[in-house]
Amino acid sequence: MSETLADEVRAREASAREVVTQAKAEGARLVASARTAGEQAIKEARQKSHRYFRDEVRRAEGEAEASAVKIVDAGREETEKFYSDGKPRTVEVADWLVKEVMSTYGN
């Protein structure tokens, strides 16, 4: 009976070692799978962040371009108005300047 009991204990120990080995292998597989899933999630988050940043930059550039066009157009209109408002006075100032020069320095 001792031999049978000892054999059974050895068999159970071998079986337990096999279960532990399988559990370690399964644990390693789960850790590797989790690591891969984590790395994939990080990669996707980076890509999503990059896409978002790129889209935001494009949107901001579009807004800046539209704003710049409006500012340039407003400046052009203001310049044309200033020029057209001052054009009649140019003749007056030129006449006055000629008279002053002629009166100061003569013919």
PDB file of N, CA and C in Angstrom:
ATOM      1  N   MET A   1       0.813  -1.186   0.000  1.00  0.00           N
ATOM      2  CA  MET A   1       0.000   0.000   0.000  1.00  0.00           C
ATOM      3  C   MET A   1       0.863   1.259   0.000  1.00  0.00           C
ATOM      4  N   SER A   2       2.001   1.188   0.666  1.00  0.00           N
ATOM      5  CA  SER A   2       2.898   2.330   0.675  1.00  0.00           C
ATOM      6  C   SER A   2       3.396   2.656  -0.714  1.00  0.00           C
ATOM      7  N   GLU A   3       3.709   1.616  -1.461  1.00  0.00           N
ATOM      8  CA  GLU A   3       4.178   1.859  -2.820  1.00  0.00           C
ATOM      9  C   GLU A   3       3.074   2.475  -3.665  1.00  0.00           C
ATOM     10  N   THR A   4       1.911   1.978  -3.518  1.00  0.00           N
ATOM     11  CA  THR A   4       0.803   2.495  -4.293  1.00  0.00           C
ATOM     12  C   THR A   4       0.530   3.942  -3.905  1.00  0.00           C
ATOM     13  N   LEU A   5       0.593   4.212  -2.643  1.00  0.00           N
ATOM     14  CA  LEU A   5       0.372   5.575  -2.165  1.00  0.00           C
ATOM     15  C   LEU A   5       1.493   6.491  -2.659  1.00  0.00           C
ATOM     16  N   ALA A   6       2.724   6.016  -2.582  1.00  0.00           N
ATOM     17  CA  ALA A   6       3.867   6.803  -3.046  1.00  0.00           C
ATOM     18  C   ALA A   6       3.767   7.040  -4.551  1.00  0.00           C
ATOM     19  N   ASP A   7       3.366   6.030  -5.290  1.00  0.00           N
ATOM     20  CA  ASP A   7       3.207   6.194  -6.734  1.00  0.00           C
ATOM     21  C   ASP A   7       2.115   7.217  -7.041  1.00  0.00           C
ATOM     22  N   GLU A   8       1.059   7.115  -6.264  1.00  0.00           N
ATOM     23  CA  GLU A   8      -0.039   8.068  -6.481  1.00  0.00           C
ATOM     24  C   GLU A   8       0.400   9.479  -6.148  1.00  0.00           C
ATOM     25  N   VAL A   9       1.184   9.656  -5.095  1.00  0.00           N
ATOM     26  CA  VAL A   9       1.687  10.989  -4.717  1.00  0.00           C
ATOM     27  C   VAL A   9       2.589  11.513  -5.826  1.00  0.00           C
ATOM     28  N   ARG A  10       3.467  10.640  -6.345  1.00  0.00           N
ATOM     29  CA  ARG A  10       4.354  11.060  -7.437  1.00  0.00           C
ATOM     30  C   ARG A  10       3.534  11.447  -8.676  1.00  0.00           C
ATOM     31  N   ALA A  11       2.547  10.684  -8.980  1.00  0.00           N
ATOM     32  CA  ALA A  11       1.689  10.980 -10.133  1.00  0.00           C
ATOM     33  C   ALA A  11       0.977  12.312  -9.939  1.00  0.00           C
ATOM     34  N   ARG A  12       0.466  12.522  -8.713  1.00  0.00           N
ATOM     35  CA  ARG A  12      -0.211  13.796  -8.424  1.00  0.00           C
ATOM     36  C   ARG A  12       0.770  14.964  -8.496  1.00  0.00           C
ATOM     37  N   GLU A  13       1.993  14.772  -7.997  1.00  0.00           N
ATOM     38  CA  GLU A  13       2.999  15.831  -8.072  1.00  0.00           C
ATOM     39  C   GLU A  13       3.338  16.139  -9.527  1.00  0.00           C
ATOM     40  N   ALA A  14       3.496  15.120 -10.336  1.00  0.00           N
ATOM     41  CA  ALA A  14       3.787  15.319 -11.760  1.00  0.00           C
ATOM     42  C   ALA A  14       2.625  16.048 -12.434  1.00  0.00           C
ATOM     43  N   SER A  15       1.431  15.629 -12.082  1.00  0.00           N
ATOM     44  CA  SER A  15       0.251  16.283 -12.636  1.00  0.00           C
ATOM     45  C   SER A  15       0.199  17.748 -12.200  1.00  0.00           C
ATOM     46  N   ALA A  16       0.516  18.016 -10.936  1.00  0.00           N
ATOM     47  CA  ALA A  16       0.519  19.393 -10.420  1.00  0.00           C
ATOM     48  C   ALA A  16       1.597  20.212 -11.118  1.00  0.00           C
ATOM     49  N   ARG A  17       2.796  19.620 -11.333  1.00  0.00           N
ATOM     50  CA  ARG A  17       3.859  20.341 -12.042  1.00  0.00           C
ATOM     51  C   ARG A  17       3.408  20.695 -13.461  1.00  0.00           C
ATOM     52  N   GLU A  18       2.720  19.750 -14.100  1.00  0.00           N
ATOM     53  CA  GLU A  18       2.230  19.999 -15.451  1.00  0.00           C
ATOM     54  C   GLU A  18       1.189  21.119 -15.459  1.00  0.00           C
ATOM     55  N   VAL A  19       0.306  21.111 -14.466  1.00  0.00           N
ATOM     56  CA  VAL A  19      -0.707  22.178 -14.364  1.00  0.00           C
ATOM     57  C   VAL A  19      -0.019  23.521 -14.140  1.00  0.00           C
ATOM     58  N   VAL A  20       1.002  23.546 -13.269  1.00  0.00           N
ATOM     59  CA  VAL A  20       1.730  24.793 -12.991  1.00  0.00           C
ATOM     60  C   VAL A  20       2.441  25.272 -14.257  1.00  0.00           C
ATOM     61  N   THR A  21       3.069  24.341 -14.974  1.00  0.00           N
ATOM     62  CA  THR A  21       3.760  24.702 -16.218  1.00  0.00           C
ATOM     63  C   THR A  21       2.778  25.266 -17.229  1.00  0.00           C
ATOM     64  N   GLN A  22       1.629  24.616 -17.364  1.00  0.00           N
ATOM     65  CA  GLN A  22       0.609  25.106 -18.290  1.00  0.00           C
ATOM     66  C   GLN A  22       0.087  26.472 -17.851  1.00  0.00           C
ATOM     67  N   ALA A  23      -0.075  26.652 -16.552  1.00  0.00           N
ATOM     68  CA  ALA A  23      -0.558  27.935 -16.025  1.00  0.00           C
ATOM     69  C   ALA A  23       0.462  29.040 -16.297  1.00  0.00           C
ATOM     70  N   LYS A  24       1.764  28.707 -16.114  1.00  0.00           N
ATOM     71  CA  LYS A  24       2.808  29.697 -16.401  1.00  0.00           C
ATOM     72  C   LYS A  24       2.796  30.057 -17.883  1.00  0.00           C
ATOM     73  N   ALA A  25       2.658  29.052 -18.731  1.00  0.00           N
ATOM     74  CA  ALA A  25       2.624  29.310 -20.172  1.00  0.00           C
ATOM     75  C   ALA A  25       1.406  30.155 -20.532  1.00  0.00           C
ATOM     76  N   GLU A  26       0.267  29.821 -19.958  1.00  0.00           N
ATOM     77  CA  GLU A  26      -0.958  30.600 -20.216  1.00  0.00           C
ATOM     78  C   GLU A  26      -0.801  32.022 -19.701  1.00  0.00           C
ATOM     79  N   GLY A  27      -0.182  32.153 -18.520  1.00  0.00           N
ATOM     80  CA  GLY A  27       0.061  33.490 -17.966  1.00  0.00           C
ATOM     81  C   GLY A  27       0.981  34.302 -18.877  1.00  0.00           C
ATOM     82  N   ALA A  28       2.039  33.677 -19.375  1.00  0.00           N
ATOM     83  CA  ALA A  28       2.955  34.365 -20.288  1.00  0.00           C
ATOM     84  C   ALA A  28       2.229  34.769 -21.569  1.00  0.00           C
ATOM     85  N   ARG A  29       1.375  33.873 -22.067  1.00  0.00           N
ATOM     86  CA  ARG A  29       0.612  34.186 -23.272  1.00  0.00           C
ATOM     87  C   ARG A  29      -0.331  35.367 -23.032  1.00  0.00           C
ATOM     88  N   LEU A  30      -1.003  35.370 -21.875  1.00  0.00           N
ATOM     89  CA  LEU A  30      -1.919  36.470 -21.543  1.00  0.00           C
ATOM     90  C   LEU A  30      -1.169  37.789 -21.390  1.00  0.00           C
ATOM     91  N   VAL A  31       0.014  37.729 -20.749  1.00  0.00           N
ATOM     92  CA  VAL A  31       0.816  38.950 -20.582  1.00  0.00           C
ATOM     93  C   VAL A  31       1.257  39.472 -21.942  1.00  0.00           C
ATOM     94  N   ALA A  32       1.719  38.573 -22.810  1.00  0.00           N
ATOM     95  CA  ALA A  32       2.141  38.998 -24.150  1.00  0.00           C
ATOM     96  C   ALA A  32       0.966  39.581 -24.921  1.00  0.00           C
ATOM     97  N   SER A  33      -0.179  38.948 -24.809  1.00  0.00           N
ATOM     98  CA  SER A  33      -1.367  39.443 -25.498  1.00  0.00           C
ATOM     99  C   SER A  33      -1.767  40.817 -24.963  1.00  0.00           C
ATOM    100  N   ALA A  34      -1.722  40.969 -23.655  1.00  0.00           N
ATOM    101  CA  ALA A  34      -2.070  42.260 -23.048  1.00  0.00           C
ATOM    102  C   ALA A  34      -1.066  43.336 -23.457  1.00  0.00           C
ATOM    103  N   ARG A  35       0.213  42.967 -23.501  1.00  0.00           N
ATOM    104  CA  ARG A  35       1.249  43.919 -23.902  1.00  0.00           C
ATOM    105  C   ARG A  35       1.021  44.357 -25.357  1.00  0.00           C
ATOM    106  N   THR A  36       0.722  43.406 -26.216  1.00  0.00           N
ATOM    107  CA  THR A  36       0.458  43.721 -27.621  1.00  0.00           C
ATOM    108  C   THR A  36      -0.771  44.619 -27.747  1.00  0.00           C
ATOM    109  N   ALA A  37      -1.819  44.300 -27.013  1.00  0.00           N
ATOM    110  CA  ALA A  37      -3.037  45.122 -27.054  1.00  0.00           C
ATOM    111  C   ALA A  37      -2.747  46.532 -26.541  1.00  0.00           C
ATOM    112  N   GLY A  38      -1.943  46.631 -25.497  1.00  0.00           N
ATOM    113  CA  GLY A  38      -1.584  47.950 -24.959  1.00  0.00           C
ATOM    114  C   GLY A  38      -0.764  48.759 -25.952  1.00  0.00           C
ATOM    115  N   GLU A  39       0.203  48.111 -26.575  1.00  0.00           N
ATOM    116  CA  GLU A  39       1.018  48.803 -27.572  1.00  0.00           C
ATOM    117  C   GLU A  39       0.169  49.249 -28.755  1.00  0.00           C
ATOM    118  N   GLN A  40      -0.763  48.424 -29.167  1.00  0.00           N
ATOM    119  CA  GLN A  40      -1.655  48.778 -30.271  1.00  0.00           C
ATOM    120  C   GLN A  40      -2.542  49.961 -29.887  1.00  0.00           C
ATOM    121  N   ALA A  41      -3.038  49.948 -28.652  1.00  0.00           N
ATOM    122  CA  ALA A  41      -3.878  51.057 -28.189  1.00  0.00           C
ATOM    123  C   ALA A  41      -3.082  52.360 -28.159  1.00  0.00           C
ATOM    124  N   ILE A  42      -1.825  52.280 -27.716  1.00  0.00           N
ATOM    125  CA  ILE A  42      -0.969  53.477 -27.684  1.00  0.00           C
ATOM    126  C   ILE A  42      -0.721  53.974 -29.101  1.00  0.00           C
ATOM    127  N   LYS A  43      -0.441  53.060 -30.015  1.00  0.00           N
ATOM    128  CA  LYS A  43      -0.195  53.435 -31.409  1.00  0.00           C
ATOM    129  C   LYS A  43      -1.423  54.116 -32.006  1.00  0.00           C
ATOM    130  N   GLU A  44      -2.597  53.543 -31.772  1.00  0.00           N
ATOM    131  CA  GLU A  44      -3.826  54.128 -32.306  1.00  0.00           C
ATOM    132  C   GLU A  44      -4.099  55.494 -31.689  1.00  0.00           C
ATOM    133  N   ALA A  45      -3.815  55.635 -30.392  1.00  0.00           N
ATOM    134  CA  ALA A  45      -4.023  56.933 -29.734  1.00  0.00           C
ATOM    135  C   ALA A  45      -3.091  57.987 -30.321  1.00  0.00           C
ATOM    136  N   ARG A  46      -1.841  57.609 -30.576  1.00  0.00           N
ATOM    137  CA  ARG A  46      -0.891  58.549 -31.185  1.00  0.00           C
ATOM    138  C   ARG A  46      -1.354  58.962 -32.571  1.00  0.00           C
ATOM    139  N   GLN A  47      -1.789  57.982 -33.353  1.00  0.00           N
ATOM    140  CA  GLN A  47      -2.258  58.292 -34.706  1.00  0.00           C
ATOM    141  C   GLN A  47      -3.486  59.200 -34.665  1.00  0.00           C
ATOM    142  N   LYS A  48      -4.391  58.903 -33.768  1.00  0.00           N
ATOM    143  CA  LYS A  48      -5.604  59.717 -33.644  1.00  0.00           C
ATOM    144  C   LYS A  48      -5.238  61.132 -33.218  1.00  0.00           C
ATOM    145  N   SER A  49      -4.315  61.248 -32.271  1.00  0.00           N
ATOM    146  CA  SER A  49      -3.864  62.553 -31.807  1.00  0.00           C
ATOM    147  C   SER A  49      -3.200  63.327 -32.948  1.00  0.00           C
ATOM    148  N   HIS A  50      -2.373  62.639 -33.715  1.00  0.00           N
ATOM    149  CA  HIS A  50      -1.693  63.290 -34.837  1.00  0.00           C
ATOM    150  C   HIS A  50      -2.700  63.765 -35.882  1.00  0.00           C
ATOM    151  N   ARG A  51      -3.681  62.910 -36.185  1.00  0.00           N
ATOM    152  CA  ARG A  51      -4.716  63.300 -37.151  1.00  0.00           C
ATOM    153  C   ARG A  51      -5.493  64.511 -36.649  1.00  0.00           C
ATOM    154  N   TYR A  52      -5.846  64.502 -35.373  1.00  0.00           N
ATOM    155  CA  TYR A  52      -6.596  65.617 -34.794  1.00  0.00           C
ATOM    156  C   TYR A  52      -5.773  66.902 -34.882  1.00  0.00           C
ATOM    157  N   PHE A  53      -4.487  66.813 -34.509  1.00  0.00           N
ATOM    158  CA  PHE A  53      -3.618  67.987 -34.554  1.00  0.00           C
ATOM    159  C   PHE A  53      -3.494  68.509 -35.980  1.00  0.00           C
ATOM    160  N   ARG A  54      -3.288  67.587 -36.932  1.00  0.00           N
ATOM    161  CA  ARG A  54      -3.145  67.978 -38.332  1.00  0.00           C
ATOM    162  C   ARG A  54      -4.424  68.657 -38.824  1.00  0.00           C
ATOM    163  N   ASP A  55      -5.585  68.108 -38.486  1.00  0.00           N
ATOM    164  CA  ASP A  55      -6.859  68.699 -38.901  1.00  0.00           C
ATOM    165  C   ASP A  55      -7.074  70.067 -38.267  1.00  0.00           C
ATOM    166  N   GLU A  56      -6.691  70.196 -37.003  1.00  0.00           N
ATOM    167  CA  GLU A  56      -6.842  71.490 -36.326  1.00  0.00           C
ATOM    168  C   GLU A  56      -5.923  72.545 -36.950  1.00  0.00           C
ATOM    169  N   VAL A  57      -4.710  72.141 -37.303  1.00  0.00           N
ATOM    170  CA  VAL A  57      -3.788  73.076 -37.946  1.00  0.00           C
ATOM    171  C   VAL A  57      -4.343  73.515 -39.296  1.00  0.00           C
ATOM    172  N   ARG A  58      -4.860  72.565 -40.059  1.00  0.00           N
ATOM    173  CA  ARG A  58      -5.454  72.921 -41.355  1.00  0.00           C
ATOM    174  C   ARG A  58      -6.634  73.863 -41.191  1.00  0.00           C
ATOM    175  N   ARG A  59      -7.480  73.597 -40.199  1.00  0.00           N
ATOM    176  CA  ARG A  59      -8.631  74.456 -39.962  1.00  0.00           C
ATOM    177  C   ARG A  59      -8.170  75.866 -39.575  1.00  0.00           C
ATOM    178  N   ALA A  60      -7.184  75.937 -38.684  1.00  0.00           N
ATOM    179  CA  ALA A  60      -6.672  77.237 -38.249  1.00  0.00           C
ATOM    180  C   ALA A  60      -6.019  77.986 -39.411  1.00  0.00           C
ATOM    181  N   GLU A  61      -5.290  77.260 -40.258  1.00  0.00           N
ATOM    182  CA  GLU A  61      -4.680  77.900 -41.421  1.00  0.00           C
ATOM    183  C   GLU A  61      -5.750  78.443 -42.363  1.00  0.00           C
ATOM    184  N   GLY A  62      -6.828  77.684 -42.545  1.00  0.00           N
ATOM    185  CA  GLY A  62      -7.919  78.157 -43.402  1.00  0.00           C
ATOM    186  C   GLY A  62      -8.561  79.417 -42.844  1.00  0.00           C
ATOM    187  N   GLU A  63      -8.796  79.422 -41.533  1.00  0.00           N
ATOM    188  CA  GLU A  63      -9.370  80.611 -40.892  1.00  0.00           C
ATOM    189  C   GLU A  63      -8.418  81.798 -41.010  1.00  0.00           C
ATOM    190  N   ALA A  64      -7.127  81.547 -40.809  1.00  0.00           N
ATOM    191  CA  ALA A  64      -6.138  82.621 -40.904  1.00  0.00           C
ATOM    192  C   ALA A  64      -6.078  83.174 -42.324  1.00  0.00           C
ATOM    193  N   GLU A  65      -6.148  82.291 -43.307  1.00  0.00           N
ATOM    194  CA  GLU A  65      -6.128  82.731 -44.707  1.00  0.00           C
ATOM    195  C   GLU A  65      -7.341  83.603 -45.014  1.00  0.00           C
ATOM    196  N   ALA A  66      -8.514  83.162 -44.561  1.00  0.00           N
ATOM    197  CA  ALA A  66      -9.734  83.941 -44.800  1.00  0.00           C
ATOM    198  C   ALA A  66      -9.650  85.298 -44.102  1.00  0.00           C
ATOM    199  N   SER A  67      -9.134  85.295 -42.888  1.00  0.00           N
ATOM    200  CA  SER A  67      -8.982  86.543 -42.136  1.00  0.00           C
ATOM    201  C   SER A  67      -7.978  87.468 -42.822  1.00  0.00           C
ATOM    202  N   ALA A  68      -6.888  86.902 -43.324  1.00  0.00           N
ATOM    203  CA  ALA A  68      -5.877  87.708 -44.004  1.00  0.00           C
ATOM    204  C   ALA A  68      -6.448  88.340 -45.269  1.00  0.00           C
ATOM    205  N   VAL A  69      -7.239  87.590 -46.009  1.00  0.00           N
ATOM    206  CA  VAL A  69      -7.862  88.130 -47.226  1.00  0.00           C
ATOM    207  C   VAL A  69      -8.775  89.294 -46.869  1.00  0.00           C
ATOM    208  N   LYS A  70      -9.558  89.142 -45.804  1.00  0.00           N
ATOM    209  CA  LYS A  70     -10.450  90.234 -45.380  1.00  0.00           C
ATOM    210  C   LYS A  70      -9.650  91.468 -44.977  1.00  0.00           C
ATOM    211  N   ILE A  71      -8.569  91.261 -44.228  1.00  0.00           N
ATOM    212  CA  ILE A  71      -7.741  92.393 -43.773  1.00  0.00           C
ATOM    213  C   ILE A  71      -7.101  93.097 -44.963  1.00  0.00           C
ATOM    214  N   VAL A  72      -6.572  92.331 -45.915  1.00  0.00           N
ATOM    215  CA  VAL A  72      -5.944  92.932 -47.105  1.00  0.00           C
ATOM    216  C   VAL A  72      -6.979  93.696 -47.915  1.00  0.00           C
ATOM    217  N   ASP A  73      -8.153  93.125 -48.094  1.00  0.00           N
ATOM    218  CA  ASP A  73      -9.214  93.811 -48.846  1.00  0.00           C
ATOM    219  C   ASP A  73      -9.639  95.105 -48.154  1.00  0.00           C
ATOM    220  N   ALA A  74      -9.776  95.049 -46.831  1.00  0.00           N
ATOM    221  CA  ALA A  74     -10.151  96.253 -46.084  1.00  0.00           C
ATOM    222  C   ALA A  74      -9.056  97.311 -46.205  1.00  0.00           C
ATOM    223  N   GLY A  75      -7.804  96.895 -46.132  1.00  0.00           N
ATOM    224  CA  GLY A  75      -6.692  97.842 -46.282  1.00  0.00           C
ATOM    225  C   GLY A  75      -6.651  98.456 -47.670  1.00  0.00           C
ATOM    226  N   ARG A  76      -6.925  97.626 -48.679  1.00  0.00           N
ATOM    227  CA  ARG A  76      -6.939  98.122 -50.054  1.00  0.00           C
ATOM    228  C   ARG A  76      -8.051  99.157 -50.222  1.00  0.00           C
ATOM    229  N   GLU A  77      -9.238  98.877 -49.687  1.00  0.00           N
ATOM    230  CA  GLU A  77     -10.355  99.826 -49.777  1.00  0.00           C
ATOM    231  C   GLU A  77     -10.021 101.126 -49.047  1.00  0.00           C
ATOM    232  N   GLU A  78      -9.414 100.998 -47.870  1.00  0.00           N
ATOM    233  CA  GLU A  78      -9.054 102.188 -47.098  1.00  0.00           C
ATOM    234  C   GLU A  78      -8.015 103.029 -47.848  1.00  0.00           C
ATOM    235  N   THR A  79      -7.058 102.345 -48.477  1.00  0.00           N
ATOM    236  CA  THR A  79      -6.033 103.055 -49.236  1.00  0.00           C
ATOM    237  C   THR A  79      -6.640 103.775 -50.430  1.00  0.00           C
ATOM    238  N   GLU A  80      -7.527 103.099 -51.157  1.00  0.00           N
ATOM    239  CA  GLU A  80      -8.176 103.728 -52.309  1.00  0.00           C
ATOM    240  C   GLU A  80      -9.018 104.926 -51.868  1.00  0.00           C
ATOM    241  N   LYS A  81      -9.709 104.812 -50.749  1.00  0.00           N
ATOM    242  CA  LYS A  81     -10.517 105.927 -50.240  1.00  0.00           C
ATOM    243  C   LYS A  81      -9.620 107.097 -49.855  1.00  0.00           C
ATOM    244  N   PHE A  82      -8.500 106.796 -49.171  1.00  0.00           N
ATOM    245  CA  PHE A  82      -7.563 107.850 -48.766  1.00  0.00           C
ATOM    246  C   PHE A  82      -7.010 108.548 -50.004  1.00  0.00           C
ATOM    247  N   TYR A  83      -6.653 107.758 -50.999  1.00  0.00           N
ATOM    248  CA  TYR A  83      -6.097 108.325 -52.235  1.00  0.00           C
ATOM    249  C   TYR A  83      -7.126 109.197 -52.941  1.00  0.00           C
ATOM    250  N   SER A  84      -8.355 108.683 -53.092  1.00  0.00           N
ATOM    251  CA  SER A  84      -9.382 109.454 -53.808  1.00  0.00           C
ATOM    252  C   SER A  84      -9.804 110.687 -53.014  1.00  0.00           C
ATOM    253  N   ASP A  85      -9.806 110.606 -51.676  1.00  0.00           N
ATOM    254  CA  ASP A  85     -10.162 111.776 -50.868  1.00  0.00           C
ATOM    255  C   ASP A  85      -9.068 112.844 -50.946  1.00  0.00           C
ATOM    256  N   GLY A  86      -7.826 112.450 -51.042  1.00  0.00           N
ATOM    257  CA  GLY A  86      -6.722 113.409 -51.059  1.00  0.00           C
ATOM    258  C   GLY A  86      -6.361 113.916 -52.438  1.00  0.00           C
ATOM    259  N   LYS A  87      -6.865 113.265 -53.489  1.00  0.00           N
ATOM    260  CA  LYS A  87      -6.501 113.635 -54.850  1.00  0.00           C
ATOM    261  C   LYS A  87      -6.857 115.095 -55.189  1.00  0.00           C
ATOM    262  N   PRO A  88      -8.057 115.585 -54.856  1.00  0.00           N
ATOM    263  CA  PRO A  88      -8.370 116.989 -55.166  1.00  0.00           C
ATOM    264  C   PRO A  88      -7.450 117.977 -54.431  1.00  0.00           C
ATOM    265  N   ARG A  89      -7.039 117.646 -53.242  1.00  0.00           N
ATOM    266  CA  ARG A  89      -6.176 118.546 -52.475  1.00  0.00           C
ATOM    267  C   ARG A  89      -4.758 118.577 -53.036  1.00  0.00           C
ATOM    268  N   THR A  90      -4.391 117.567 -53.802  1.00  0.00           N
ATOM    269  CA  THR A  90      -3.044 117.499 -54.363  1.00  0.00           C
ATOM    270  C   THR A  90      -2.788 118.681 -55.290  1.00  0.00           C
ATOM    271  N   VAL A  91      -3.758 119.009 -56.088  1.00  0.00           N
ATOM    272  CA  VAL A  91      -3.618 120.138 -57.014  1.00  0.00           C
ATOM    273  C   VAL A  91      -3.459 121.438 -56.214  1.00  0.00           C
ATOM    274  N   GLU A  92      -4.267 121.626 -55.182  1.00  0.00           N
ATOM    275  CA  GLU A  92      -4.170 122.825 -54.344  1.00  0.00           C
ATOM    276  C   GLU A  92      -2.788 122.944 -53.711  1.00  0.00           C
ATOM    277  N   VAL A  93      -2.320 121.844 -53.151  1.00  0.00           N
ATOM    278  CA  VAL A  93      -1.018 121.861 -52.478  1.00  0.00           C
ATOM    279  C   VAL A  93       0.092 122.117 -53.489  1.00  0.00           C
ATOM    280  N   ALA A  94      -0.002 121.513 -54.664  1.00  0.00           N
ATOM    281  CA  ALA A  94       1.021 121.733 -55.689  1.00  0.00           C
ATOM    282  C   ALA A  94       1.050 123.208 -56.109  1.00  0.00           C
ATOM    283  N   ASP A  95      -0.129 123.803 -56.304  1.00  0.00           N
ATOM    284  CA  ASP A  95      -0.184 125.227 -56.666  1.00  0.00           C
ATOM    285  C   ASP A  95       0.414 126.088 -55.567  1.00  0.00           C
ATOM    286  N   TRP A  96       0.048 125.817 -54.340  1.00  0.00           N
ATOM    287  CA  TRP A  96       0.581 126.587 -53.211  1.00  0.00           C
ATOM    288  C   TRP A  96       2.097 126.449 -53.133  1.00  0.00           C
ATOM    289  N   LEU A  97       2.604 125.220 -53.327  1.00  0.00           N
ATOM    290  CA  LEU A  97       4.037 124.974 -53.244  1.00  0.00           C
ATOM    291  C   LEU A  97       4.778 125.733 -54.345  1.00  0.00           C
ATOM    292  N   VAL A  98       4.240 125.717 -55.547  1.00  0.00           N
ATOM    293  CA  VAL A  98       4.870 126.436 -56.658  1.00  0.00           C
ATOM    294  C   VAL A  98       4.899 127.927 -56.354  1.00  0.00           C
ATOM    295  N   LYS A  99       3.794 128.471 -55.840  1.00  0.00           N
ATOM    296  CA  LYS A  99       3.738 129.897 -55.517  1.00  0.00           C
ATOM    297  C   LYS A  99       4.762 130.257 -54.451  1.00  0.00           C
ATOM    298  N   GLU A 100       4.874 129.402 -53.414  1.00  0.00           N
ATOM    299  CA  GLU A 100       5.842 129.665 -52.362  1.00  0.00           C
ATOM    300  C   GLU A 100       7.273 129.637 -52.873  1.00  0.00           C
ATOM    301  N   VAL A 101       7.581 128.645 -53.675  1.00  0.00           N
ATOM    302  CA  VAL A 101       8.931 128.523 -54.227  1.00  0.00           C
ATOM    303  C   VAL A 101       9.233 129.717 -55.133  1.00  0.00           C
ATOM    304  N   MET A 102       8.271 130.076 -55.954  1.00  0.00           N
ATOM    305  CA  MET A 102       8.491 131.189 -56.886  1.00  0.00           C
ATOM    306  C   MET A 102       8.631 132.504 -56.134  1.00  0.00           C
ATOM    307  N   SER A 103       7.807 132.650 -55.064  1.00  0.00           N
ATOM    308  CA  SER A 103       7.930 133.909 -54.313  1.00  0.00           C
ATOM    309  C   SER A 103       9.224 133.986 -53.512  1.00  0.00           C
ATOM    310  N   THR A 104       9.704 132.842 -53.071  1.00  0.00           N
ATOM    311  CA  THR A 104      10.934 132.821 -52.276  1.00  0.00           C
ATOM    312  C   THR A 104      12.157 132.929 -53.174  1.00  0.00           C
ATOM    313  N   TYR A 105      12.206 132.210 -54.259  1.00  0.00           N
ATOM    314  CA  TYR A 105      13.413 132.143 -55.099  1.00  0.00           C
ATOM    315  C   TYR A 105      13.285 132.890 -56.411  1.00  0.00           C
ATOM    316  N   GLY A 106      12.107 133.391 -56.694  1.00  0.00           N
ATOM    317  CA  GLY A 106      11.907 134.150 -57.924  1.00  0.00           C
ATOM    318  C   GLY A 106      11.715 133.269 -59.128  1.00  0.00           C
ATOM    319  N   ASN A 107      11.768 133.923 -60.285  1.00  0.00           N
ATOM    320  CA  ASN A 107      11.523 133.216 -61.541  1.00  0.00           C
ATOM    321  C   ASN A 107      12.520 132.173 -61.785  1.00  0.00           C
TER     322      ASN A 107
END
